[in-house]
Amino acid sequence: MIIRIQAEDFDIAALNSELLAGRSDVGAIASFIGLVRDLEGNTLQQMTLEHYPGMTERALKGIAAKAQHRWDLVDLGIIHRVGDLKPADQIVLVTVLSAHRGDAFAACEFIMDYLKTEAPFWKKEVSEQGSQWVASRDSDQLARKKWES
């Protein structure tokens, strides 16, 4: 399992190569890359992400462990960026390795839904209108709830 919180950009091919090194038991890789987007119509200038070192990594490891318990996974990686980001910058990468695509797809979606609601990150958007902290979205909570059954 690879869990990283970092300011620098990431490379999906590099993470996949690291996770696959020496393995021949992987039949599927499912990945998700999240980007900084401007929901207000091209006025976002910057997003700043903050976290508590140590606490955030523990939360991500806990989410990953839940996915590993629920599905038959070979390995997984989560990279989340912090610091100042611009629109279209990569912000998060989740990669899941499994013998079968169904487990990989489901676990990847599960991890993202839990990251959006359970991981201790704080986002501040800076736009032409000023700056504001981003509140939790109801749609993220609804997406997470589908996994509770």
Protein backbone atom coordinates (compact mmCIF):
# COMPACT_ATOMS: atom_id res chain seq x y z
CA MET A 1 0.00 0.00 0.00
CA ILE A 2 1.27 3.44 -0.93
CA ILE A 3 -0.15 6.50 0.83
CA ARG A 4 1.37 9.90 0.08
CA ILE A 5 0.47 13.48 0.91
CA GLN A 6 2.63 15.82 -1.12
CA ALA A 7 2.86 19.29 -2.64
CA GLU A 8 4.45 18.17 -5.91
CA ASP A 9 2.53 16.78 -8.87
CA PHE A 10 2.24 13.03 -9.41
CA ASP A 11 2.59 10.64 -12.33
CA ILE A 12 0.04 7.84 -12.68
CA ALA A 13 2.42 5.69 -14.75
CA ALA A 14 5.13 5.97 -12.07
CA LEU A 15 2.71 4.94 -9.30
CA ASN A 16 1.38 2.02 -11.34
CA SER A 17 4.94 0.85 -12.09
CA GLU A 18 5.81 1.06 -8.41
CA LEU A 19 2.74 -0.94 -7.39
CA LEU A 20 3.22 -3.54 -10.15
CA ALA A 21 6.96 -4.11 -9.60
CA GLY A 22 7.63 -7.87 -9.61
CA ARG A 23 3.93 -8.82 -9.65
CA SER A 24 2.18 -11.15 -12.08
CA ASP A 25 -1.06 -11.66 -10.12
CA VAL A 26 -2.76 -8.42 -11.21
CA GLY A 27 -5.57 -8.69 -13.75
CA ALA A 28 -6.99 -5.18 -13.40
CA ILE A 29 -5.94 -1.66 -12.50
CA ALA A 30 -8.60 0.96 -11.85
CA SER A 31 -7.48 4.52 -11.35
CA PHE A 32 -9.08 7.87 -10.67
CA ILE A 33 -7.45 11.27 -11.04
CA GLY A 34 -9.24 14.29 -9.60
CA LEU A 35 -8.51 17.76 -10.94
CA VAL A 36 -9.00 21.24 -9.51
CA ARG A 37 -12.06 22.65 -11.26
CA ASP A 38 -13.79 25.98 -11.35
CA LEU A 39 -17.48 25.53 -10.55
CA GLU A 40 -18.21 29.25 -10.66
CA GLY A 41 -17.30 29.84 -14.30
CA ASN A 42 -13.61 30.58 -14.82
CA THR A 43 -13.17 32.82 -11.77
CA LEU A 44 -11.16 30.40 -9.58
CA GLN A 45 -7.58 31.57 -9.38
CA GLN A 46 -6.23 29.15 -6.79
CA MET A 47 -7.21 26.42 -4.36
CA THR A 48 -5.20 25.92 -1.19
CA LEU A 49 -5.37 22.52 0.52
CA GLU A 50 -4.34 22.10 4.13
CA HIS A 51 -4.11 19.02 6.31
CA TYR A 52 -2.77 17.77 9.65
CA PRO A 53 0.34 15.67 8.98
CA GLY A 54 0.09 12.27 10.60
CA MET A 55 -3.66 12.50 11.16
CA THR A 56 -4.40 12.68 7.43
CA GLU A 57 -2.15 9.74 6.56
CA ARG A 58 -3.82 7.65 9.29
CA ALA A 59 -7.25 8.51 7.91
CA LEU A 60 -6.21 7.52 4.37
CA LYS A 61 -4.73 4.24 5.63
CA GLY A 62 -8.00 3.55 7.44
CA ILE A 63 -10.03 4.16 4.26
CA ALA A 64 -7.66 1.92 2.29
CA ALA A 65 -7.95 -0.82 4.93
CA LYS A 66 -11.75 -0.71 4.69
CA ALA A 67 -11.51 -1.19 0.92
CA GLN A 68 -9.04 -4.07 1.32
CA HIS A 69 -11.37 -5.74 3.81
CA ARG A 70 -14.39 -5.37 1.55
CA TRP A 71 -12.87 -6.43 -1.81
CA ASP A 72 -10.21 -8.86 -2.99
CA LEU A 73 -7.42 -6.40 -3.75
CA VAL A 74 -3.78 -7.03 -4.60
CA ASP A 75 -2.59 -3.53 -3.67
CA LEU A 76 -3.52 0.14 -3.87
CA GLY A 77 -2.10 3.62 -3.87
CA ILE A 78 -3.45 7.00 -2.83
CA ILE A 79 -1.65 10.25 -3.54
CA HIS A 80 -3.25 13.52 -2.44
CA ARG A 81 -1.71 16.91 -3.03
CA VAL A 82 -1.65 19.84 -0.61
CA GLY A 83 -0.60 23.45 -0.95
CA ASP A 84 -1.53 25.96 -3.63
CA LEU A 85 -3.08 24.52 -6.79
CA LYS A 86 -4.45 26.12 -9.96
CA PRO A 87 -7.48 25.12 -12.04
CA ALA A 88 -6.81 21.92 -14.05
CA ASP A 89 -3.99 20.82 -11.70
CA GLN A 90 -4.09 17.21 -10.54
CA ILE A 91 -5.21 16.98 -6.93
CA VAL A 92 -5.76 13.30 -6.09
CA LEU A 93 -4.85 9.88 -7.51
CA VAL A 94 -6.35 6.58 -6.42
CA THR A 95 -5.08 3.39 -8.07
CA VAL A 96 -6.41 -0.05 -7.16
CA LEU A 97 -4.93 -3.38 -8.26
CA SER A 98 -6.95 -6.57 -8.23
CA ALA A 99 -7.20 -9.90 -9.99
CA HIS A 100 -10.60 -8.84 -11.37
CA ARG A 101 -11.97 -5.56 -12.75
CA GLY A 102 -15.15 -5.54 -10.66
CA ASP A 103 -13.23 -5.41 -7.39
CA ALA A 104 -10.85 -2.78 -8.76
CA PHE A 105 -13.63 -0.49 -10.04
CA ALA A 106 -15.75 -0.78 -6.90
CA ALA A 107 -12.85 -0.24 -4.51
CA CYS A 108 -11.61 2.79 -6.45
CA GLU A 109 -15.05 4.42 -6.31
CA PHE A 110 -15.43 3.53 -2.62
CA ILE A 111 -12.06 5.06 -1.75
CA MET A 112 -12.89 8.30 -3.56
CA ASP A 113 -16.31 8.56 -1.91
CA TYR A 114 -14.72 8.11 1.52
CA LEU A 115 -11.85 10.50 0.75
CA LYS A 116 -14.36 13.24 -0.05
CA THR A 117 -16.16 12.80 3.28
CA GLU A 118 -13.72 11.26 5.79
CA ALA A 119 -10.24 12.56 4.97
CA PRO A 120 -9.18 15.63 6.99
CA PHE A 121 -8.36 18.09 4.23
CA TRP A 122 -9.43 21.72 4.22
CA LYS A 123 -9.87 23.61 0.94
CA LYS A 124 -9.83 27.34 0.49
CA GLU A 125 -10.75 28.80 -2.89
CA VAL A 126 -9.38 32.13 -4.06
CA SER A 127 -11.31 33.84 -6.85
CA GLU A 128 -11.88 37.31 -8.24
CA GLN A 129 -14.55 37.73 -5.55
CA GLY A 130 -12.19 36.91 -2.66
CA SER A 131 -11.40 33.76 -0.68
CA GLN A 132 -13.62 31.25 1.10
CA TRP A 133 -13.33 27.85 2.74
CA VAL A 134 -15.13 25.12 0.79
CA ALA A 135 -18.01 23.49 2.68
CA SER A 136 -18.88 19.82 2.47
CA ARG A 137 -21.30 19.00 -0.36
CA ASP A 138 -24.50 17.05 0.19
CA SER A 139 -23.80 15.06 -2.99
CA ASP A 140 -20.55 13.75 -1.46
CA GLN A 141 -22.40 12.57 1.65
CA LEU A 142 -25.02 10.81 -0.49
CA ALA A 143 -22.34 9.07 -2.55
CA ARG A 144 -20.69 7.78 0.62
CA LYS A 145 -23.97 6.52 2.12
CA LYS A 146 -24.47 4.01 -0.70
CA TRP A 147 -21.58 1.99 0.76
CA GLU A 148 -23.12 1.68 4.24
CA SER A 149 -25.36 -1.27 3.46
